Amino acid sequence: MKVTKDVDFGLLTMKGPDKTVNEDYIEFTTSNLNRDDEVHILLVADGMGGHAFGDVASFYASNYILKWWRNKLLQHDHPDRFLEDCQDTIGGIFQVINQKLIEIGQRENYHLGTTLSVIIMVKDKYLVCHVGDTRIYRMRKKADIKLDDNDETIDLNQSKSFVQLTKDHSWARMQVENGSMTEIEAENDDKSHLLTQCIGVKGDINPYISMDTILEQDQFILCTDGLHSLFTQDEMYKHLREGLEQDTPLQNTAEYLIEFARNAPYQDDVSILIFAPKGRTDVP
């Protein structure tokens, strides 16, 4: 892990109480694209507990992406061209990782499955690529304006201050999208954690890819389902705010959420990374 003084972060991972190994992998690193521009890559992977060697799968997928990213750094010194190249090729790299894990599993007579969520940041842009149900969130400061002194304040981002940047590839999400269930019904169903896509199990995957703008006070949260399954999105936002409003380092906020998980009836590995690419900022 390489960091600079211009970022603030909190990172913590914890093995599930009944697990022999932690099958999560969570990491970030920073490098220089040129003299002026830094590039950050953050990733989280959750090896599938229903398959052998989930820890091997999550480690392999994550480190393959990091090697690909380092190679891209050597090919570019312009931020826009670097990010465009990453956008054009990262989906193919996910496909390569998927096929390699399938081949390893066939050779060793094991299934190696993992989720993988990646976000790359350079200047004021980010790129997300994702398969599975690990998640990336963005927390953004609200923008308030007044048209004149007699008007009430208008919150321009009330519904966007905390958003999920990834799309769950899960049975539960599929039921909600096709209108078969409500969010609450899907989350409480016995099949809620079944994945419709993961890396290393089947031949075809369709990674979710998106790109957008980073604002000055944005913060990003990566976590596995061992953490986000304990909360609704509103509850997650509430707990993040409670931790961040104490004006403590982001590591303290990560510890705050992990401690909450430890006191909850959690069973899975739990991992979280909170990252502010331009240093510590005020919360929304």
C-alpha atoms as a PDB file:
ATOM      1  CA  MET A   1       0.000   0.000   0.000  1.00  0.00           C
ATOM      2  CA  LYS A   2       1.438   3.362  -1.059  1.00  0.00           C
ATOM      3  CA  VAL A   3      -0.187   6.567   0.222  1.00  0.00           C
ATOM      4  CA  THR A   4       0.514  10.283   0.115  1.00  0.00           C
ATOM      5  CA  LYS A   5      -0.190  13.177   2.424  1.00  0.00           C
ATOM      6  CA  ASP A   6      -3.019  14.332   0.129  1.00  0.00           C
ATOM      7  CA  VAL A   7      -5.379  11.471   1.014  1.00  0.00           C
ATOM      8  CA  ASP A   8      -7.112  10.314   4.153  1.00  0.00           C
ATOM      9  CA  PHE A   9      -8.301   6.752   4.611  1.00  0.00           C
ATOM     10  CA  GLY A  10      -9.523   4.115   6.998  1.00  0.00           C
ATOM     11  CA  LEU A  11      -9.129   0.397   6.254  1.00  0.00           C
ATOM     12  CA  LEU A  12     -10.036  -2.614   8.340  1.00  0.00           C
ATOM     13  CA  THR A  13     -10.932  -6.249   7.747  1.00  0.00           C
ATOM     14  CA  MET A  14     -12.096  -8.923  10.192  1.00  0.00           C
ATOM     15  CA  LYS A  15     -12.484 -12.685   9.832  1.00  0.00           C
ATOM     16  CA  GLY A  16     -15.919 -14.123  10.447  1.00  0.00           C
ATOM     17  CA  PRO A  17     -16.330 -15.846  13.840  1.00  0.00           C
ATOM     18  CA  ASP A  18     -16.792 -19.305  12.338  1.00  0.00           C
ATOM     19  CA  LYS A  19     -14.267 -18.931   9.494  1.00  0.00           C
ATOM     20  CA  THR A  20     -10.827 -20.531   9.405  1.00  0.00           C
ATOM     21  CA  VAL A  21      -9.467 -17.860   7.047  1.00  0.00           C
ATOM     22  CA  ASN A  22     -10.533 -14.386   5.941  1.00  0.00           C
ATOM     23  CA  GLU A  23     -11.723 -14.697   2.336  1.00  0.00           C
ATOM     24  CA  ASP A  24     -11.999 -10.921   1.824  1.00  0.00           C
ATOM     25  CA  TYR A  25      -9.280  -8.904   0.129  1.00  0.00           C
ATOM     26  CA  ILE A  26      -9.349  -5.102   0.368  1.00  0.00           C
ATOM     27  CA  GLU A  27      -6.604  -2.733  -0.734  1.00  0.00           C
ATOM     28  CA  PHE A  28      -5.686   0.616  -2.235  1.00  0.00           C
ATOM     29  CA  THR A  29      -2.547   2.179  -3.615  1.00  0.00           C
ATOM     30  CA  THR A  30      -1.443   5.478  -5.119  1.00  0.00           C
ATOM     31  CA  SER A  31       1.072   6.233  -7.838  1.00  0.00           C
ATOM     32  CA  ASN A  32       2.215   9.184  -9.944  1.00  0.00           C
ATOM     33  CA  LEU A  33       1.088   9.352 -13.548  1.00  0.00           C
ATOM     34  CA  ASN A  34       3.344  12.338 -14.162  1.00  0.00           C
ATOM     35  CA  ARG A  35       4.937  15.100 -12.119  1.00  0.00           C
ATOM     36  CA  ASP A  36       1.579  16.645 -11.172  1.00  0.00           C
ATOM     37  CA  ASP A  37      -1.080  13.929 -11.319  1.00  0.00           C
ATOM     38  CA  GLU A  38      -1.622  11.113  -8.858  1.00  0.00           C
ATOM     39  CA  VAL A  39      -3.687   8.027  -9.612  1.00  0.00           C
ATOM     40  CA  HIS A  40      -5.485   5.976  -6.962  1.00  0.00           C
ATOM     41  CA  ILE A  41      -6.852   2.455  -7.265  1.00  0.00           C
ATOM     42  CA  LEU A  42      -9.157   0.959  -4.620  1.00  0.00           C
ATOM     43  CA  LEU A  43     -10.507  -2.568  -4.723  1.00  0.00           C
ATOM     44  CA  VAL A  44     -12.408  -5.096  -2.679  1.00  0.00           C
ATOM     45  CA  ALA A  45     -13.014  -8.791  -3.360  1.00  0.00           C
ATOM     46  CA  ASP A  46     -14.996 -11.375  -1.429  1.00  0.00           C
ATOM     47  CA  GLY A  47     -14.009 -14.985  -2.017  1.00  0.00           C
ATOM     48  CA  MET A  48     -17.056 -17.197  -2.110  1.00  0.00           C
ATOM     49  CA  GLY A  49     -17.462 -19.186   1.079  1.00  0.00           C
ATOM     50  CA  GLY A  50     -19.460 -21.862  -0.737  1.00  0.00           C
ATOM     51  CA  HIS A  51     -16.455 -22.647  -2.903  1.00  0.00           C
ATOM     52  CA  ALA A  52     -13.008 -23.950  -2.004  1.00  0.00           C
ATOM     53  CA  PHE A  53     -10.130 -21.517  -1.636  1.00  0.00           C
ATOM     54  CA  GLY A  54     -12.203 -18.338  -1.600  1.00  0.00           C
ATOM     55  CA  ASP A  55      -9.216 -16.509  -0.112  1.00  0.00           C
ATOM     56  CA  VAL A  56      -7.038 -17.646  -3.031  1.00  0.00           C
ATOM     57  CA  ALA A  57      -9.618 -16.440  -5.569  1.00  0.00           C
ATOM     58  CA  SER A  58     -10.014 -12.987  -4.016  1.00  0.00           C
ATOM     59  CA  PHE A  59      -6.235 -12.542  -3.681  1.00  0.00           C
ATOM     60  CA  TYR A  60      -5.578 -13.711  -7.245  1.00  0.00           C
ATOM     61  CA  ALA A  61      -8.238 -11.475  -8.809  1.00  0.00           C
ATOM     62  CA  SER A  62      -7.144  -8.407  -6.846  1.00  0.00           C
ATOM     63  CA  ASN A  63      -3.453  -8.797  -7.603  1.00  0.00           C
ATOM     64  CA  TYR A  64      -4.095  -9.455 -11.293  1.00  0.00           C
ATOM     65  CA  ILE A  65      -5.936  -6.135 -11.475  1.00  0.00           C
ATOM     66  CA  LEU A  66      -3.109  -4.360  -9.647  1.00  0.00           C
ATOM     67  CA  LYS A  67      -0.550  -5.726 -12.120  1.00  0.00           C
ATOM     68  CA  TRP A  68      -2.720  -4.590 -15.034  1.00  0.00           C
ATOM     69  CA  TRP A  69      -3.054  -1.126 -13.454  1.00  0.00           C
ATOM     70  CA  ARG A  70       0.710  -0.775 -12.969  1.00  0.00           C
ATOM     71  CA  ASN A  71       1.256  -1.695 -16.601  1.00  0.00           C
ATOM     72  CA  LYS A  72      -1.202   1.006 -17.690  1.00  0.00           C
ATOM     73  CA  LEU A  73       0.720   3.567 -15.614  1.00  0.00           C
ATOM     74  CA  LEU A  74       3.841   2.819 -17.660  1.00  0.00           C
ATOM     75  CA  GLN A  75       1.971   3.399 -20.928  1.00  0.00           C
ATOM     76  CA  HIS A  76       0.521   6.849 -20.213  1.00  0.00           C
ATOM     77  CA  ASP A  77       1.375  10.220 -18.704  1.00  0.00           C
ATOM     78  CA  HIS A  78      -1.851  12.051 -19.617  1.00  0.00           C
ATOM     79  CA  PRO A  79      -4.825  11.602 -17.225  1.00  0.00           C
ATOM     80  CA  ASP A  80      -7.593  11.574 -19.839  1.00  0.00           C
ATOM     81  CA  ARG A  81      -5.846   9.071 -22.103  1.00  0.00           C
ATOM     82  CA  PHE A  82      -4.943   6.901 -19.126  1.00  0.00           C
ATOM     83  CA  LEU A  83      -8.535   6.723 -17.872  1.00  0.00           C
ATOM     84  CA  GLU A  84      -9.952   6.198 -21.376  1.00  0.00           C
ATOM     85  CA  ASP A  85      -7.578   3.275 -21.904  1.00  0.00           C
ATOM     86  CA  CYS A  86      -8.562   1.820 -18.532  1.00  0.00           C
ATOM     87  CA  GLN A  87     -12.243   2.176 -19.417  1.00  0.00           C
ATOM     88  CA  ASP A  88     -11.698   0.433 -22.763  1.00  0.00           C
ATOM     89  CA  THR A  89      -9.737  -2.495 -21.333  1.00  0.00           C
ATOM     90  CA  ILE A  90     -10.790  -3.171 -17.738  1.00  0.00           C
ATOM     91  CA  GLY A  91     -13.875  -5.170 -18.707  1.00  0.00           C
ATOM     92  CA  GLY A  92     -11.666  -7.439 -20.808  1.00  0.00           C
ATOM     93  CA  ILE A  93      -9.277  -7.899 -17.885  1.00  0.00           C
ATOM     94  CA  PHE A  94     -12.205  -9.000 -15.711  1.00  0.00           C
ATOM     95  CA  GLN A  95     -12.985 -11.585 -18.419  1.00  0.00           C
ATOM     96  CA  VAL A  96      -9.351 -12.755 -18.412  1.00  0.00           C
ATOM     97  CA  ILE A  97      -9.350 -13.150 -14.622  1.00  0.00           C
ATOM     98  CA  ASN A  98     -12.630 -15.057 -14.806  1.00  0.00           C
ATOM     99  CA  GLN A  99     -11.246 -17.501 -17.366  1.00  0.00           C
ATOM    100  CA  LYS A 100      -7.938 -17.985 -15.529  1.00  0.00           C
ATOM    101  CA  LEU A 101      -9.718 -18.819 -12.267  1.00  0.00           C
ATOM    102  CA  ILE A 102     -11.958 -21.278 -14.115  1.00  0.00           C
ATOM    103  CA  GLU A 103      -8.884 -22.942 -15.639  1.00  0.00           C
ATOM    104  CA  ILE A 104      -7.108 -23.117 -12.268  1.00  0.00           C
ATOM    105  CA  GLY A 105     -10.208 -24.640 -10.712  1.00  0.00           C
ATOM    106  CA  GLN A 106     -10.495 -27.247 -13.460  1.00  0.00           C
ATOM    107  CA  ARG A 107      -6.806 -28.138 -13.146  1.00  0.00           C
ATOM    108  CA  GLU A 108      -7.005 -28.468  -9.351  1.00  0.00           C
ATOM    109  CA  ASN A 109     -10.525 -29.909  -9.363  1.00  0.00           C
ATOM    110  CA  TYR A 110     -11.873 -27.004  -7.277  1.00  0.00           C
ATOM    111  CA  HIS A 111     -14.183 -24.039  -7.849  1.00  0.00           C
ATOM    112  CA  LEU A 112     -12.549 -20.674  -7.150  1.00  0.00           C
ATOM    113  CA  GLY A 113     -15.156 -17.907  -6.976  1.00  0.00           C
ATOM    114  CA  THR A 114     -14.930 -14.267  -5.961  1.00  0.00           C
ATOM    115  CA  THR A 115     -16.602 -10.899  -6.334  1.00  0.00           C
ATOM    116  CA  LEU A 116     -14.492  -7.924  -7.436  1.00  0.00           C
ATOM    117  CA  SER A 117     -15.184  -4.183  -7.215  1.00  0.00           C
ATOM    118  CA  VAL A 118     -12.592  -1.687  -8.460  1.00  0.00           C
ATOM    119  CA  ILE A 119     -12.500   2.112  -8.590  1.00  0.00           C
ATOM    120  CA  ILE A 120      -9.710   4.099 -10.275  1.00  0.00           C
ATOM    121  CA  MET A 121      -9.361   7.846  -9.637  1.00  0.00           C
ATOM    122  CA  VAL A 122      -7.320  10.458 -11.446  1.00  0.00           C
ATOM    123  CA  LYS A 123      -7.810  14.223 -11.163  1.00  0.00           C
ATOM    124  CA  ASP A 124     -11.588  14.840 -11.085  1.00  0.00           C
ATOM    125  CA  LYS A 125     -12.728  11.548 -12.659  1.00  0.00           C
ATOM    126  CA  TYR A 126     -13.351   8.033 -11.434  1.00  0.00           C
ATOM    127  CA  LEU A 127     -13.917   4.712 -13.190  1.00  0.00           C
ATOM    128  CA  VAL A 128     -15.780   1.791 -11.590  1.00  0.00           C
ATOM    129  CA  CYS A 129     -15.742  -1.831 -12.728  1.00  0.00           C
ATOM    130  CA  HIS A 130     -17.604  -4.449 -10.725  1.00  0.00           C
ATOM    131  CA  VAL A 131     -18.930  -8.019 -10.558  1.00  0.00           C
ATOM    132  CA  GLY A 132     -20.806  -9.502  -7.593  1.00  0.00           C
ATOM    133  CA  ASP A 133     -22.266  -7.979  -4.434  1.00  0.00           C
ATOM    134  CA  THR A 134     -19.319  -6.175  -2.883  1.00  0.00           C
ATOM    135  CA  ARG A 135     -20.131  -2.477  -2.969  1.00  0.00           C
ATOM    136  CA  ILE A 136     -18.693   0.971  -3.596  1.00  0.00           C
ATOM    137  CA  TYR A 137     -20.522   3.998  -2.172  1.00  0.00           C
ATOM    138  CA  ARG A 138     -19.922   7.708  -2.630  1.00  0.00           C
ATOM    139  CA  MET A 139     -20.612  10.255   0.103  1.00  0.00           C
ATOM    140  CA  ARG A 140     -20.990  13.795  -1.209  1.00  0.00           C
ATOM    141  CA  LYS A 141     -21.435  17.106   0.531  1.00  0.00           C
ATOM    142  CA  LYS A 142     -24.850  18.595  -0.114  1.00  0.00           C
ATOM    143  CA  ALA A 143     -25.102  21.782  -2.149  1.00  0.00           C
ATOM    144  CA  ASP A 144     -27.442  24.379  -0.692  1.00  0.00           C
ATOM    145  CA  ILE A 145     -28.433  27.584  -2.511  1.00  0.00           C
ATOM    146  CA  LYS A 146     -30.755  30.527  -1.954  1.00  0.00           C
ATOM    147  CA  LEU A 147     -32.312  32.335  -4.878  1.00  0.00           C
ATOM    148  CA  ASP A 148     -32.609  35.494  -2.775  1.00  0.00           C
ATOM    149  CA  ASP A 149     -32.801  36.506   0.876  1.00  0.00           C
ATOM    150  CA  ASN A 150     -36.536  35.746   1.104  1.00  0.00           C
ATOM    151  CA  ASP A 151     -36.319  32.216  -0.304  1.00  0.00           C
ATOM    152  CA  GLU A 152     -35.867  29.023   1.631  1.00  0.00           C
ATOM    153  CA  THR A 153     -32.664  27.077   1.119  1.00  0.00           C
ATOM    154  CA  ILE A 154     -32.867  24.527  -1.696  1.00  0.00           C
ATOM    155  CA  ASP A 155     -30.886  21.308  -1.232  1.00  0.00           C
ATOM    156  CA  LEU A 156     -29.667  20.339  -4.702  1.00  0.00           C
ATOM    157  CA  ASN A 157     -28.307  16.932  -3.706  1.00  0.00           C
ATOM    158  CA  GLN A 158     -30.573  15.670  -0.955  1.00  0.00           C
ATOM    159  CA  SER A 159     -31.137  12.331  -2.671  1.00  0.00           C
ATOM    160  CA  LYS A 160     -27.532  12.030  -3.850  1.00  0.00           C
ATOM    161  CA  SER A 161     -25.437  12.676  -0.754  1.00  0.00           C
ATOM    162  CA  PHE A 162     -24.943   8.918  -0.249  1.00  0.00           C
ATOM    163  CA  VAL A 163     -25.246   6.647  -3.275  1.00  0.00           C
ATOM    164  CA  GLN A 164     -24.206   3.151  -4.255  1.00  0.00           C
ATOM    165  CA  LEU A 165     -21.933   3.305  -7.309  1.00  0.00           C
ATOM    166  CA  THR A 166     -22.044  -0.438  -8.006  1.00  0.00           C
ATOM    167  CA  LYS A 167     -24.961  -2.634  -9.019  1.00  0.00           C
ATOM    168  CA  ASP A 168     -25.485  -5.848  -7.050  1.00  0.00           C
ATOM    169  CA  HIS A 169     -25.364  -8.975  -9.188  1.00  0.00           C
ATOM    170  CA  SER A 170     -27.651 -10.879  -6.853  1.00  0.00           C
ATOM    171  CA  TRP A 171     -30.932 -12.738  -6.890  1.00  0.00           C
ATOM    172  CA  ALA A 172     -32.429 -10.158  -4.530  1.00  0.00           C
ATOM    173  CA  ARG A 173     -31.566  -7.224  -6.790  1.00  0.00           C
ATOM    174  CA  MET A 174     -32.947  -9.080  -9.814  1.00  0.00           C
ATOM    175  CA  GLN A 175     -36.306  -9.585  -8.057  1.00  0.00           C
ATOM    176  CA  VAL A 176     -36.515  -5.892  -7.181  1.00  0.00           C
ATOM    177  CA  GLU A 177     -35.623  -4.784 -10.714  1.00  0.00           C
ATOM    178  CA  ASN A 178     -38.240  -6.998 -12.363  1.00  0.00           C
ATOM    179  CA  GLY A 179     -40.906  -5.899  -9.871  1.00  0.00           C
ATOM    180  CA  SER A 180     -41.397  -9.307  -8.244  1.00  0.00           C
ATOM    181  CA  MET A 181     -40.442  -8.095  -4.760  1.00  0.00           C
ATOM    182  CA  THR A 182     -39.926  -4.954  -2.771  1.00  0.00           C
ATOM    183  CA  GLU A 183     -36.478  -4.124  -1.393  1.00  0.00           C
ATOM    184  CA  ILE A 184     -37.473  -5.353   2.075  1.00  0.00           C
ATOM    185  CA  GLU A 185     -39.048  -8.576   0.773  1.00  0.00           C
ATOM    186  CA  ALA A 186     -35.963  -9.396  -1.307  1.00  0.00           C
ATOM    187  CA  GLU A 187     -33.524  -8.687   1.531  1.00  0.00           C
ATOM    188  CA  ASN A 188     -35.467 -10.972   3.897  1.00  0.00           C
ATOM    189  CA  ASP A 189     -35.829 -13.850   1.444  1.00  0.00           C
ATOM    190  CA  ASP A 190     -33.780 -17.012   1.990  1.00  0.00           C
ATOM    191  CA  LYS A 191     -32.225 -16.581  -1.475  1.00  0.00           C
ATOM    192  CA  SER A 192     -31.229 -12.963  -0.905  1.00  0.00           C
ATOM    193  CA  HIS A 193     -27.473 -13.626  -0.965  1.00  0.00           C
ATOM    194  CA  LEU A 194     -27.389 -15.825  -4.059  1.00  0.00           C
ATOM    195  CA  LEU A 195     -25.195 -14.257  -6.736  1.00  0.00           C
ATOM    196  CA  THR A 196     -26.211 -14.029 -10.376  1.00  0.00           C
ATOM    197  CA  GLN A 197     -22.639 -13.135 -11.359  1.00  0.00           C
ATOM    198  CA  CYS A 198     -19.233 -13.786  -9.833  1.00  0.00           C
ATOM    199  CA  ILE A 199     -15.710 -14.303 -11.128  1.00  0.00           C
ATOM    200  CA  GLY A 200     -14.252 -17.776 -11.613  1.00  0.00           C
ATOM    201  CA  VAL A 201     -17.325 -20.004 -11.715  1.00  0.00           C
ATOM    202  CA  LYS A 202     -18.969 -19.641 -15.141  1.00  0.00           C
ATOM    203  CA  GLY A 203     -17.632 -18.752 -18.564  1.00  0.00           C
ATOM    204  CA  ASP A 204     -19.609 -15.569 -19.151  1.00  0.00           C
ATOM    205  CA  ILE A 205     -19.641 -12.435 -17.005  1.00  0.00           C
ATOM    206  CA  ASN A 206     -20.912  -8.955 -17.782  1.00  0.00           C
ATOM    207  CA  PRO A 207     -19.034  -6.454 -15.589  1.00  0.00           C
ATOM    208  CA  TYR A 208     -20.802  -3.274 -14.538  1.00  0.00           C
ATOM    209  CA  ILE A 209     -18.720  -0.271 -15.695  1.00  0.00           C
ATOM    210  CA  SER A 210     -19.338   3.429 -15.058  1.00  0.00           C
ATOM    211  CA  MET A 211     -17.426   6.704 -15.051  1.00  0.00           C
ATOM    212  CA  ASP A 212     -18.251  10.010 -13.379  1.00  0.00           C
ATOM    213  CA  THR A 213     -16.861  13.163 -11.780  1.00  0.00           C
ATOM    214  CA  ILE A 214     -15.245  13.571  -8.361  1.00  0.00           C
ATOM    215  CA  LEU A 215     -16.119  16.717  -6.445  1.00  0.00           C
ATOM    216  CA  GLU A 216     -13.817  18.387  -3.944  1.00  0.00           C
ATOM    217  CA  GLN A 217     -15.343  16.857  -0.815  1.00  0.00           C
ATOM    218  CA  ASP A 218     -16.319  13.409  -2.056  1.00  0.00           C
ATOM    219  CA  GLN A 219     -15.514  10.350   0.012  1.00  0.00           C
ATOM    220  CA  PHE A 220     -15.699   6.736  -1.151  1.00  0.00           C
ATOM    221  CA  ILE A 221     -16.580   3.632   0.842  1.00  0.00           C
ATOM    222  CA  LEU A 222     -15.813   0.067  -0.266  1.00  0.00           C
ATOM    223  CA  CYS A 223     -17.157  -2.901   1.701  1.00  0.00           C
ATOM    224  CA  THR A 224     -18.095  -6.553   1.493  1.00  0.00           C
ATOM    225  CA  ASP A 225     -21.574  -7.935   2.087  1.00  0.00           C
ATOM    226  CA  GLY A 226     -20.452  -9.050   5.524  1.00  0.00           C
ATOM    227  CA  LEU A 227     -20.799  -5.381   6.469  1.00  0.00           C
ATOM    228  CA  HIS A 228     -23.468  -3.898   4.197  1.00  0.00           C
ATOM    229  CA  SER A 229     -25.862  -6.806   4.810  1.00  0.00           C
ATOM    230  CA  LEU A 230     -26.123  -5.652   8.433  1.00  0.00           C
ATOM    231  CA  PHE A 231     -27.658  -2.301   7.408  1.00  0.00           C
ATOM    232  CA  THR A 232     -30.168  -0.722   5.095  1.00  0.00           C
ATOM    233  CA  GLN A 233     -28.606   2.010   2.971  1.00  0.00           C
ATOM    234  CA  ASP A 234     -30.143   4.680   5.226  1.00  0.00           C
ATOM    235  CA  GLU A 235     -28.690   2.961   8.292  1.00  0.00           C
ATOM    236  CA  MET A 236     -25.276   2.716   6.650  1.00  0.00           C
ATOM    237  CA  TYR A 237     -25.380   6.447   5.888  1.00  0.00           C
ATOM    238  CA  LYS A 238     -26.461   7.209   9.449  1.00  0.00           C
ATOM    239  CA  HIS A 239     -23.608   5.208  10.978  1.00  0.00           C
ATOM    240  CA  LEU A 240     -21.045   6.728   8.624  1.00  0.00           C
ATOM    241  CA  ARG A 241     -22.235  10.213   9.502  1.00  0.00           C
ATOM    242  CA  GLU A 242     -22.077   9.448  13.207  1.00  0.00           C
ATOM    243  CA  GLY A 243     -18.499   8.312  12.883  1.00  0.00           C
ATOM    244  CA  LEU A 244     -17.344  11.075  10.561  1.00  0.00           C
ATOM    245  CA  GLU A 245     -19.000  13.896  12.479  1.00  0.00           C
ATOM    246  CA  GLN A 246     -16.733  13.208  15.453  1.00  0.00           C
ATOM    247  CA  ASP A 247     -13.886  14.866  13.515  1.00  0.00           C
ATOM    248  CA  THR A 248     -11.641  11.833  13.912  1.00  0.00           C
ATOM    249  CA  PRO A 249      -9.397  10.165  11.304  1.00  0.00           C
ATOM    250  CA  LEU A 250     -11.194   7.933   8.832  1.00  0.00           C
ATOM    251  CA  GLN A 251      -9.451   4.926  10.387  1.00  0.00           C
ATOM    252  CA  ASN A 252     -11.466   5.601  13.535  1.00  0.00           C
ATOM    253  CA  THR A 253     -14.669   5.591  11.498  1.00  0.00           C
ATOM    254  CA  ALA A 254     -13.740   2.248   9.935  1.00  0.00           C
ATOM    255  CA  GLU A 255     -13.083   0.854  13.415  1.00  0.00           C
ATOM    256  CA  TYR A 256     -16.423   2.261  14.590  1.00  0.00           C
ATOM    257  CA  LEU A 257     -18.298   0.304  11.895  1.00  0.00           C
ATOM    258  CA  ILE A 258     -16.286  -2.870  12.409  1.00  0.00           C
ATOM    259  CA  GLU A 259     -17.013  -2.695  16.124  1.00  0.00           C
ATOM    260  CA  PHE A 260     -20.715  -2.330  15.325  1.00  0.00           C
ATOM    261  CA  ALA A 261     -20.485  -5.466  13.185  1.00  0.00           C
ATOM    262  CA  ARG A 262     -18.658  -7.306  15.965  1.00  0.00           C
ATOM    263  CA  ASN A 263     -21.553  -6.574  18.313  1.00  0.00           C
ATOM    264  CA  ALA A 264     -24.144  -7.600  15.720  1.00  0.00           C
ATOM    265  CA  PRO A 265     -25.026 -11.213  14.855  1.00  0.00           C
ATOM    266  CA  TYR A 266     -22.556 -11.266  11.950  1.00  0.00           C
ATOM    267  CA  GLN A 267     -21.268 -14.530  10.480  1.00  0.00           C
ATOM    268  CA  ASP A 268     -19.259 -13.485   7.423  1.00  0.00           C
ATOM    269  CA  ASP A 269     -15.899 -11.786   7.002  1.00  0.00           C
ATOM    270  CA  VAL A 270     -16.255  -8.003   7.296  1.00  0.00           C
ATOM    271  CA  SER A 271     -14.154  -5.442   5.405  1.00  0.00           C
ATOM    272  CA  ILE A 272     -14.349  -1.682   4.840  1.00  0.00           C
ATOM    273  CA  LEU A 273     -12.234   1.005   3.201  1.00  0.00           C
ATOM    274  CA  ILE A 274     -13.141   4.699   3.541  1.00  0.00           C
ATOM    275  CA  PHE A 275     -11.145   6.988   1.264  1.00  0.00           C
ATOM    276  CA  ALA A 276     -10.978  10.743   0.720  1.00  0.00           C
ATOM    277  CA  PRO A 277      -8.863  11.320  -2.423  1.00  0.00           C
ATOM    278  CA  LYS A 278      -8.168  14.977  -1.616  1.00  0.00           C
ATOM    279  CA  GLY A 279      -7.682  14.649   2.118  1.00  0.00           C
ATOM    280  CA  ARG A 280     -10.061  14.914   5.038  1.00  0.00           C
ATOM    281  CA  THR A 281     -13.196  16.951   4.365  1.00  0.00           C
ATOM    282  CA  ASP A 282     -16.353  17.880   6.210  1.00  0.00           C
ATOM    283  CA  VAL A 283     -19.217  15.425   6.075  1.00  0.00           C
ATOM    284  CA  PRO A 284     -22.527  16.308   4.382  1.00  0.00           C
END
